[in-house]
């Protein structure tokens, strides 16, 4: 009986924590997708998602880039460097990365 109660309590806790993470992901997605981005990267990271901060904003944008032939099957975080430029229109499905050293423009879609 005790095991059943512990199992149910653990399942309930897992569902609650999962709900909190999903809410945070949805908020991050809305902020990123609704924002127009144009600037240089001053902070870059990845923690299951791509994280980017630009020189002209206090917001850290979080998103999941898709690997495709556009970007030679790389993620945004694997290709981008500090000082590179990004450009994305509000509600667009593509972010453009311009490499500072070569001027190469690489497209990334996201989900």
Protein backbone atom coordinates (compact mmCIF):
# COMPACT_ATOMS: atom_id res chain seq x y z
CA UNK A 1 0.00 0.00 0.00
CA UNK A 2 2.84 2.39 0.89
CA UNK A 3 4.52 1.68 -2.45
CA UNK A 4 1.35 2.56 -4.32
CA UNK A 5 1.03 5.86 -2.44
CA UNK A 6 4.69 6.69 -3.13
CA UNK A 7 4.30 5.75 -6.78
CA UNK A 8 1.24 7.96 -7.16
CA UNK A 9 2.90 10.86 -5.33
CA UNK A 10 6.01 10.54 -7.50
CA UNK A 11 3.92 10.41 -10.67
CA UNK A 12 2.00 13.50 -9.60
CA UNK A 13 5.22 15.37 -8.85
CA UNK A 14 6.67 14.38 -12.23
CA UNK A 15 3.54 15.63 -14.02
CA UNK A 16 3.67 18.94 -12.15
CA UNK A 17 7.37 19.53 -12.90
CA UNK A 18 6.81 18.55 -16.53
CA UNK A 19 3.97 21.09 -16.73
CA UNK A 20 6.25 23.83 -15.35
CA UNK A 21 8.97 23.06 -17.92
CA UNK A 22 6.44 23.02 -20.76
CA UNK A 23 5.09 26.42 -19.65
CA UNK A 24 8.63 27.85 -19.60
CA UNK A 25 9.37 26.43 -23.07
CA UNK A 26 6.15 27.92 -24.45
CA UNK A 27 7.02 31.34 -23.00
CA UNK A 28 10.56 31.17 -24.46
CA UNK A 29 9.15 30.12 -27.84
CA UNK A 30 6.66 33.00 -27.90
CA UNK A 31 9.31 35.57 -26.97
CA UNK A 32 11.68 34.29 -29.66
CA UNK A 33 9.12 33.83 -32.44
CA UNK A 34 7.42 37.20 -31.87
CA UNK A 35 10.69 39.15 -31.74
CA UNK A 36 12.47 40.84 -34.61
CA UNK A 37 16.18 40.22 -34.11
CA UNK A 38 18.99 42.20 -35.69
CA UNK A 39 22.33 42.56 -33.97
CA UNK A 40 25.65 41.04 -33.01
CA UNK A 41 25.94 38.05 -30.73
CA UNK A 42 27.46 38.90 -27.35
CA UNK A 43 26.53 35.68 -25.53
CA UNK A 44 26.00 32.21 -26.93
CA UNK A 45 25.17 28.93 -25.30
CA UNK A 46 23.20 25.77 -25.42
CA UNK A 47 21.35 23.82 -22.76
CA UNK A 48 19.08 21.52 -24.77
CA UNK A 49 18.18 24.68 -26.70
CA UNK A 50 20.16 27.33 -28.53
CA UNK A 51 20.66 30.44 -26.40
CA UNK A 52 21.67 33.79 -27.88
CA UNK A 53 21.96 37.32 -26.50
CA UNK A 54 22.46 40.29 -28.80
CA UNK A 55 24.32 43.56 -28.28
CA UNK A 56 21.14 45.64 -28.56
CA UNK A 57 18.87 43.66 -26.19
CA UNK A 58 18.77 42.52 -22.57
CA UNK A 59 16.81 39.39 -23.52
CA UNK A 60 18.36 35.94 -23.83
CA UNK A 61 16.56 34.24 -26.69
CA UNK A 62 16.09 30.46 -26.49
CA UNK A 63 15.06 28.30 -29.43
CA UNK A 64 15.56 24.93 -31.09
CA UNK A 65 17.26 25.19 -34.47
CA UNK A 66 16.64 22.50 -37.03
CA UNK A 67 19.49 20.79 -38.80
CA UNK A 68 19.05 20.83 -42.58
CA UNK A 69 20.96 21.16 -45.82
CA UNK A 70 20.68 24.98 -45.42
CA UNK A 71 23.14 24.81 -42.53
CA UNK A 72 25.09 21.67 -43.48
CA UNK A 73 23.22 19.71 -40.79
CA UNK A 74 24.54 21.76 -37.89
CA UNK A 75 22.74 23.46 -35.03
CA UNK A 76 22.88 27.22 -34.55
CA UNK A 77 25.04 26.90 -31.42
CA UNK A 78 27.60 24.74 -33.23
CA UNK A 79 28.09 27.27 -36.04
CA UNK A 80 27.60 30.69 -34.41
CA UNK A 81 30.39 32.62 -32.69
CA UNK A 82 30.53 35.72 -30.53
CA UNK A 83 30.58 38.73 -32.87
CA UNK A 84 28.56 37.07 -35.64
CA UNK A 85 25.38 38.89 -36.69
CA UNK A 86 21.81 37.60 -36.74
CA UNK A 87 18.71 38.81 -38.50
CA UNK A 88 15.13 37.56 -38.04
CA UNK A 89 11.82 39.26 -38.73
CA UNK A 90 9.07 39.00 -36.12
CA UNK A 91 7.08 35.78 -36.56
CA UNK A 92 9.44 34.58 -39.31
CA UNK A 93 10.38 30.90 -39.43
CA UNK A 94 14.01 31.53 -40.38
CA UNK A 95 16.93 33.19 -38.61
CA UNK A 96 19.94 34.29 -40.66
CA UNK A 97 23.44 34.06 -39.24
CA UNK A 98 26.19 36.15 -40.85
CA UNK A 99 29.70 34.97 -40.03
CA UNK A 100 31.99 37.85 -38.99
CA UNK A 101 35.14 36.41 -40.58
CA UNK A 102 33.81 35.24 -43.94
CA UNK A 103 30.55 37.16 -44.46
CA UNK A 104 28.86 33.82 -45.18
CA UNK A 105 25.13 33.85 -44.47
CA UNK A 106 23.67 30.63 -43.04
CA UNK A 107 19.93 30.02 -42.66
CA UNK A 108 18.38 28.20 -39.73
CA UNK A 109 14.77 27.25 -39.25
CA UNK A 110 13.47 26.41 -35.81
CA UNK A 111 10.61 24.64 -34.08
